């Protein structure tokens, strides 16, 4: 019974980390798009 619970937790955290990675990839894509449209973002050392 405890093994089943641990397996469930493991899968659940895998899903969470996948969701976080996808969100991060979306943000990177968004920042790249802005970089193409407006030049580098200020925090990356560029000027707007």
C-alpha atoms as a PDB file:
ATOM      1  CA  UNK A   1       0.000   0.000   0.000  1.00  0.00           C
ATOM      2  CA  UNK A   2       2.804   2.423   0.888  1.00  0.00           C
ATOM      3  CA  UNK A   3       4.647   1.461  -2.299  1.00  0.00           C
ATOM      4  CA  UNK A   4       1.581   2.377  -4.319  1.00  0.00           C
ATOM      5  CA  UNK A   5       1.415   5.757  -2.581  1.00  0.00           C
ATOM      6  CA  UNK A   6       5.118   6.407  -3.223  1.00  0.00           C
ATOM      7  CA  UNK A   7       4.710   5.488  -6.885  1.00  0.00           C
ATOM      8  CA  UNK A   8       1.791   7.884  -7.141  1.00  0.00           C
ATOM      9  CA  UNK A   9       3.843  10.683  -5.538  1.00  0.00           C
ATOM     10  CA  UNK A  10       6.746   9.976  -7.869  1.00  0.00           C
ATOM     11  CA  UNK A  11       4.527  10.185 -10.954  1.00  0.00           C
ATOM     12  CA  UNK A  12       2.822  13.305  -9.644  1.00  0.00           C
ATOM     13  CA  UNK A  13       6.125  15.135  -9.147  1.00  0.00           C
ATOM     14  CA  UNK A  14       7.283  13.982 -12.578  1.00  0.00           C
ATOM     15  CA  UNK A  15       4.200  15.631 -14.053  1.00  0.00           C
ATOM     16  CA  UNK A  16       4.852  18.798 -12.062  1.00  0.00           C
ATOM     17  CA  UNK A  17       8.441  19.012 -13.259  1.00  0.00           C
ATOM     18  CA  UNK A  18       7.361  18.448 -16.867  1.00  0.00           C
ATOM     19  CA  UNK A  19       4.787  21.236 -16.535  1.00  0.00           C
ATOM     20  CA  UNK A  20       7.417  23.553 -15.030  1.00  0.00           C
ATOM     21  CA  UNK A  21       9.853  22.741 -17.840  1.00  0.00           C
ATOM     22  CA  UNK A  22       7.200  23.478 -20.471  1.00  0.00           C
ATOM     23  CA  UNK A  23       6.351  26.790 -18.821  1.00  0.00           C
ATOM     24  CA  UNK A  24      10.041  27.665 -18.724  1.00  0.00           C
ATOM     25  CA  UNK A  25      10.411  26.773 -22.409  1.00  0.00           C
ATOM     26  CA  UNK A  26       7.431  29.015 -23.220  1.00  0.00           C
ATOM     27  CA  UNK A  27       9.068  31.894 -21.380  1.00  0.00           C
ATOM     28  CA  UNK A  28      12.374  31.343 -23.181  1.00  0.00           C
ATOM     29  CA  UNK A  29      10.542  31.280 -26.515  1.00  0.00           C
ATOM     30  CA  UNK A  30       8.676  34.477 -25.589  1.00  0.00           C
ATOM     31  CA  UNK A  31      11.894  36.234 -24.588  1.00  0.00           C
ATOM     32  CA  UNK A  32      13.559  35.166 -27.841  1.00  0.00           C
ATOM     33  CA  UNK A  33      10.619  36.540 -29.795  1.00  0.00           C
ATOM     34  CA  UNK A  34      10.883  39.860 -27.961  1.00  0.00           C
ATOM     35  CA  UNK A  35      14.623  39.837 -28.588  1.00  0.00           C
ATOM     36  CA  UNK A  36      13.964  39.513 -32.316  1.00  0.00           C
ATOM     37  CA  UNK A  37      11.328  42.252 -32.281  1.00  0.00           C
ATOM     38  CA  UNK A  38      12.900  44.796 -29.921  1.00  0.00           C
ATOM     39  CA  UNK A  39      16.498  43.760 -29.317  1.00  0.00           C
ATOM     40  CA  UNK A  40      17.805  42.132 -26.134  1.00  0.00           C
ATOM     41  CA  UNK A  41      15.954  42.609 -22.866  1.00  0.00           C
ATOM     42  CA  UNK A  42      17.590  45.021 -20.411  1.00  0.00           C
ATOM     43  CA  UNK A  43      18.366  42.338 -17.791  1.00  0.00           C
ATOM     44  CA  UNK A  44      20.345  40.386 -20.375  1.00  0.00           C
ATOM     45  CA  UNK A  45      22.719  43.321 -20.798  1.00  0.00           C
ATOM     46  CA  UNK A  46      21.106  44.857 -23.854  1.00  0.00           C
ATOM     47  CA  UNK A  47      19.226  48.114 -24.030  1.00  0.00           C
ATOM     48  CA  UNK A  48      15.678  48.508 -25.208  1.00  0.00           C
END
